[in-house]
């Protein structure tokens, strides 16, 4: 397996980006699955999210631009607006 770079972001069902983009560099040669986990933080747009509508984590191969996966998520955020303190 050769090292890969993936671009990740979240989209709504219409394909509109709702988060920033993270880059994952998958170049670990360790065969232990537990040693190949990644943890990333995404910044989401300050909009109202419908907990009944699907949103998608999109994973794109940086080299080819091909979408490798679209993983369905449901976002249930209780507080979504900025506060004026």
N, C-alpha and C. Protein backbone atom coordinates (compact mmCIF):
# COMPACT_ATOMS: atom_id res chain seq x y z
N UNK A 1 0.84 -1.20 0.00
CA UNK A 1 0.00 0.00 0.00
C UNK A 1 0.87 1.25 0.00
N UNK A 2 0.55 2.16 -0.89
CA UNK A 2 1.31 3.41 -0.92
C UNK A 2 0.60 4.47 -0.09
N UNK A 3 1.34 5.43 0.43
CA UNK A 3 0.73 6.50 1.21
C UNK A 3 -0.29 7.28 0.37
N UNK A 4 -1.36 7.72 1.02
CA UNK A 4 -2.40 8.50 0.35
C UNK A 4 -2.72 9.73 1.17
N UNK A 5 -3.22 10.74 0.48
CA UNK A 5 -3.71 11.94 1.14
C UNK A 5 -5.19 12.07 0.79
N UNK A 6 -6.00 12.30 1.83
CA UNK A 6 -7.43 12.42 1.63
C UNK A 6 -7.90 13.78 2.15
N UNK A 7 -8.84 14.38 1.42
CA UNK A 7 -9.48 15.62 1.83
C UNK A 7 -10.86 15.26 2.35
N UNK A 8 -11.22 15.74 3.53
CA UNK A 8 -12.51 15.42 4.14
C UNK A 8 -13.27 16.70 4.44
N UNK A 9 -14.57 16.66 4.20
CA UNK A 9 -15.46 17.75 4.59
C UNK A 9 -16.87 17.20 4.70
N UNK A 10 -17.77 18.00 5.26
CA UNK A 10 -19.18 17.62 5.36
C UNK A 10 -20.00 18.42 4.36
N UNK A 11 -21.04 17.77 3.82
CA UNK A 11 -21.97 18.40 2.88
C UNK A 11 -23.40 18.12 3.31
N UNK A 12 -24.31 18.98 2.82
CA UNK A 12 -25.73 18.68 2.99
C UNK A 12 -26.18 17.79 1.84
N UNK A 13 -27.46 17.45 1.80
CA UNK A 13 -27.93 16.51 0.78
C UNK A 13 -27.89 17.10 -0.63
N UNK A 14 -27.79 18.44 -0.75
CA UNK A 14 -27.68 19.07 -2.07
C UNK A 14 -26.23 19.21 -2.52
N UNK A 15 -25.30 18.78 -1.69
CA UNK A 15 -23.88 18.86 -2.05
C UNK A 15 -23.22 20.16 -1.64
N UNK A 16 -23.90 20.99 -0.84
CA UNK A 16 -23.32 22.24 -0.36
C UNK A 16 -22.41 21.95 0.83
N UNK A 17 -21.21 22.48 0.79
CA UNK A 17 -20.26 22.25 1.88
C UNK A 17 -20.73 22.98 3.13
N UNK A 18 -20.73 22.27 4.27
CA UNK A 18 -21.19 22.86 5.53
C UNK A 18 -20.08 22.88 6.59
N UNK A 19 -18.87 22.48 6.21
CA UNK A 19 -17.76 22.48 7.17
C UNK A 19 -16.48 22.90 6.46
N UNK A 20 -15.46 23.09 7.29
CA UNK A 20 -14.14 23.32 6.71
C UNK A 20 -13.61 21.98 6.18
N UNK A 21 -12.40 22.01 5.65
CA UNK A 21 -11.81 20.81 5.06
C UNK A 21 -10.60 20.38 5.89
N UNK A 22 -10.48 19.09 6.11
CA UNK A 22 -9.33 18.52 6.81
C UNK A 22 -8.57 17.61 5.85
N UNK A 23 -7.27 17.55 6.03
CA UNK A 23 -6.44 16.66 5.23
C UNK A 23 -5.94 15.53 6.12
N UNK A 24 -6.12 14.31 5.63
CA UNK A 24 -5.60 13.13 6.32
C UNK A 24 -4.47 12.56 5.47
N UNK A 25 -3.31 12.38 6.07
CA UNK A 25 -2.18 11.78 5.38
C UNK A 25 -2.07 10.34 5.88
N UNK A 26 -2.49 9.41 5.04
CA UNK A 26 -2.52 8.00 5.41
C UNK A 26 -1.23 7.34 4.94
N UNK A 27 -0.20 7.47 5.76
CA UNK A 27 1.09 6.91 5.38
C UNK A 27 1.65 5.97 6.44
N UNK A 28 0.79 5.51 7.32
CA UNK A 28 1.24 4.59 8.36
C UNK A 28 1.42 3.20 7.80
N UNK A 29 2.51 2.58 8.15
CA UNK A 29 2.76 1.21 7.70
C UNK A 29 2.47 0.20 8.80
N UNK A 30 2.09 0.69 9.97
CA UNK A 30 1.80 -0.20 11.08
C UNK A 30 0.59 -1.05 10.76
N UNK A 31 0.67 -2.33 11.01
CA UNK A 31 -0.44 -3.24 10.70
C UNK A 31 -1.49 -3.27 11.79
N UNK A 32 -1.18 -2.72 12.95
CA UNK A 32 -2.15 -2.68 14.04
C UNK A 32 -3.21 -1.62 13.75
N UNK A 33 -4.46 -2.05 13.67
CA UNK A 33 -5.55 -1.13 13.36
C UNK A 33 -5.62 -0.01 14.39
N UNK A 34 -5.46 -0.33 15.65
CA UNK A 34 -5.56 0.68 16.71
C UNK A 34 -4.52 1.79 16.55
N UNK A 35 -3.43 1.51 15.84
CA UNK A 35 -2.38 2.50 15.63
C UNK A 35 -2.60 3.34 14.37
N UNK A 36 -3.69 3.06 13.66
CA UNK A 36 -3.96 3.78 12.41
C UNK A 36 -5.24 4.62 12.48
N UNK A 37 -5.68 4.97 13.68
CA UNK A 37 -6.85 5.81 13.84
C UNK A 37 -6.46 7.27 13.73
N UNK A 38 -7.36 8.08 13.20
CA UNK A 38 -7.15 9.52 13.09
C UNK A 38 -8.26 10.22 13.85
N UNK A 39 -7.93 11.35 14.45
CA UNK A 39 -8.94 12.16 15.13
C UNK A 39 -8.80 13.58 14.57
N UNK A 40 -9.88 14.08 14.01
CA UNK A 40 -9.89 15.43 13.44
C UNK A 40 -11.07 16.21 13.99
N UNK A 41 -10.95 17.52 13.97
CA UNK A 41 -12.05 18.40 14.37
C UNK A 41 -12.48 19.20 13.16
N UNK A 42 -13.78 19.31 12.98
CA UNK A 42 -14.33 20.08 11.89
C UNK A 42 -15.04 21.30 12.45
N UNK A 43 -14.96 22.41 11.73
CA UNK A 43 -15.70 23.62 12.07
C UNK A 43 -16.88 23.68 11.12
N UNK A 44 -18.09 23.68 11.69
CA UNK A 44 -19.30 23.70 10.88
C UNK A 44 -19.83 25.11 10.73
N UNK A 45 -20.50 25.35 9.61
CA UNK A 45 -21.14 26.64 9.39
C UNK A 45 -22.19 26.88 10.47
N UNK A 46 -22.35 28.13 10.83
CA UNK A 46 -23.33 28.51 11.85
C UNK A 46 -24.70 28.65 11.18
N UNK A 47 -25.31 27.52 10.91
CA UNK A 47 -26.63 27.48 10.28
C UNK A 47 -27.51 26.53 11.08
N UNK A 48 -28.79 26.55 10.78
CA UNK A 48 -29.71 25.63 11.44
C UNK A 48 -29.62 24.27 10.75
N UNK A 49 -29.42 23.22 11.56
CA UNK A 49 -29.33 21.86 11.03
C UNK A 49 -30.61 21.12 11.39
N UNK A 50 -31.14 20.41 10.41
CA UNK A 50 -32.35 19.62 10.61
C UNK A 50 -31.94 18.22 11.03
N UNK A 51 -32.31 17.84 12.25
CA UNK A 51 -31.88 16.53 12.77
C UNK A 51 -32.48 15.36 12.00
N UNK A 52 -33.47 15.62 11.16
CA UNK A 52 -34.09 14.55 10.37
C UNK A 52 -33.53 14.45 8.96
N UNK A 53 -32.67 15.38 8.58
CA UNK A 53 -32.08 15.39 7.24
C UNK A 53 -30.67 14.78 7.28
N UNK A 54 -30.31 14.05 6.24
CA UNK A 54 -28.96 13.48 6.22
C UNK A 54 -27.91 14.51 5.80
N UNK A 55 -26.74 14.38 6.38
CA UNK A 55 -25.56 15.14 5.99
C UNK A 55 -24.48 14.09 5.72
N UNK A 56 -23.46 14.48 4.99
CA UNK A 56 -22.49 13.48 4.54
C UNK A 56 -21.06 13.91 4.80
N UNK A 57 -20.27 12.98 5.33
CA UNK A 57 -18.82 13.15 5.40
C UNK A 57 -18.28 12.67 4.07
N UNK A 58 -17.64 13.57 3.33
CA UNK A 58 -17.13 13.25 2.00
C UNK A 58 -15.61 13.07 2.09
N UNK A 59 -15.13 11.95 1.56
CA UNK A 59 -13.70 11.64 1.57
C UNK A 59 -13.21 11.58 0.13
N UNK A 60 -12.27 12.47 -0.20
CA UNK A 60 -11.78 12.61 -1.57
C UNK A 60 -10.29 12.29 -1.62
N UNK A 61 -9.89 11.50 -2.60
CA UNK A 61 -8.47 11.23 -2.84
C UNK A 61 -7.86 12.52 -3.40
N UNK A 62 -6.90 13.09 -2.68
CA UNK A 62 -6.33 14.38 -3.09
C UNK A 62 -5.64 14.29 -4.45
N UNK A 63 -5.00 13.18 -4.75
CA UNK A 63 -4.25 13.04 -5.99
C UNK A 63 -5.16 12.92 -7.21
N UNK A 64 -6.23 12.14 -7.09
CA UNK A 64 -7.10 11.88 -8.24
C UNK A 64 -8.35 12.74 -8.27
N UNK A 65 -8.74 13.30 -7.11
CA UNK A 65 -9.98 14.07 -7.03
C UNK A 65 -11.22 13.19 -6.98
N UNK A 66 -11.03 11.89 -6.89
CA UNK A 66 -12.15 10.95 -6.87
C UNK A 66 -12.71 10.83 -5.45
N UNK A 67 -14.04 10.87 -5.35
CA UNK A 67 -14.70 10.66 -4.07
C UNK A 67 -14.56 9.19 -3.70
N UNK A 68 -13.92 8.92 -2.58
CA UNK A 68 -13.71 7.55 -2.13
C UNK A 68 -14.86 7.06 -1.27
N UNK A 69 -15.54 7.99 -0.57
CA UNK A 69 -16.66 7.59 0.29
C UNK A 69 -17.51 8.80 0.62
N UNK A 70 -18.80 8.55 0.81
CA UNK A 70 -19.75 9.53 1.36
C UNK A 70 -20.48 8.81 2.48
N UNK A 71 -20.23 9.24 3.70
CA UNK A 71 -20.77 8.56 4.87
C UNK A 71 -21.89 9.41 5.46
N UNK A 72 -23.07 8.81 5.59
CA UNK A 72 -24.25 9.53 6.05
C UNK A 72 -24.18 9.77 7.56
N UNK A 73 -24.53 11.01 7.95
CA UNK A 73 -24.62 11.41 9.35
C UNK A 73 -25.91 12.18 9.56
N UNK A 74 -26.38 12.18 10.79
CA UNK A 74 -27.48 13.05 11.20
C UNK A 74 -26.93 13.96 12.28
N UNK A 75 -27.17 15.26 12.14
CA UNK A 75 -26.62 16.25 13.06
C UNK A 75 -27.75 16.77 13.93
N UNK A 76 -27.60 16.60 15.23
CA UNK A 76 -28.61 17.06 16.19
C UNK A 76 -27.93 18.01 17.16
N UNK A 77 -27.97 19.30 16.82
CA UNK A 77 -27.33 20.34 17.63
C UNK A 77 -28.42 21.14 18.32
N UNK A 78 -28.36 21.19 19.65
CA UNK A 78 -29.38 21.89 20.41
C UNK A 78 -29.22 23.40 20.27
N UNK A 79 -28.00 23.89 20.39
CA UNK A 79 -27.73 25.33 20.31
C UNK A 79 -26.88 25.58 19.08
N UNK A 80 -27.40 26.40 18.14
CA UNK A 80 -26.67 26.62 16.90
C UNK A 80 -26.38 28.08 16.63
N UNK A 81 -26.87 28.99 17.44
CA UNK A 81 -26.67 30.42 17.18
C UNK A 81 -25.60 31.00 18.10
N UNK A 82 -25.01 32.09 17.66
CA UNK A 82 -24.04 32.79 18.51
C UNK A 82 -24.77 33.47 19.65
N UNK A 83 -24.08 33.61 20.76
CA UNK A 83 -24.66 34.29 21.91
C UNK A 83 -24.12 35.70 21.97
N UNK A 84 -24.92 36.60 22.48
CA UNK A 84 -24.53 38.00 22.67
C UNK A 84 -24.38 38.25 24.16
N UNK A 85 -23.19 38.02 24.70
CA UNK A 85 -22.98 38.22 26.13
C UNK A 85 -22.41 39.58 26.38
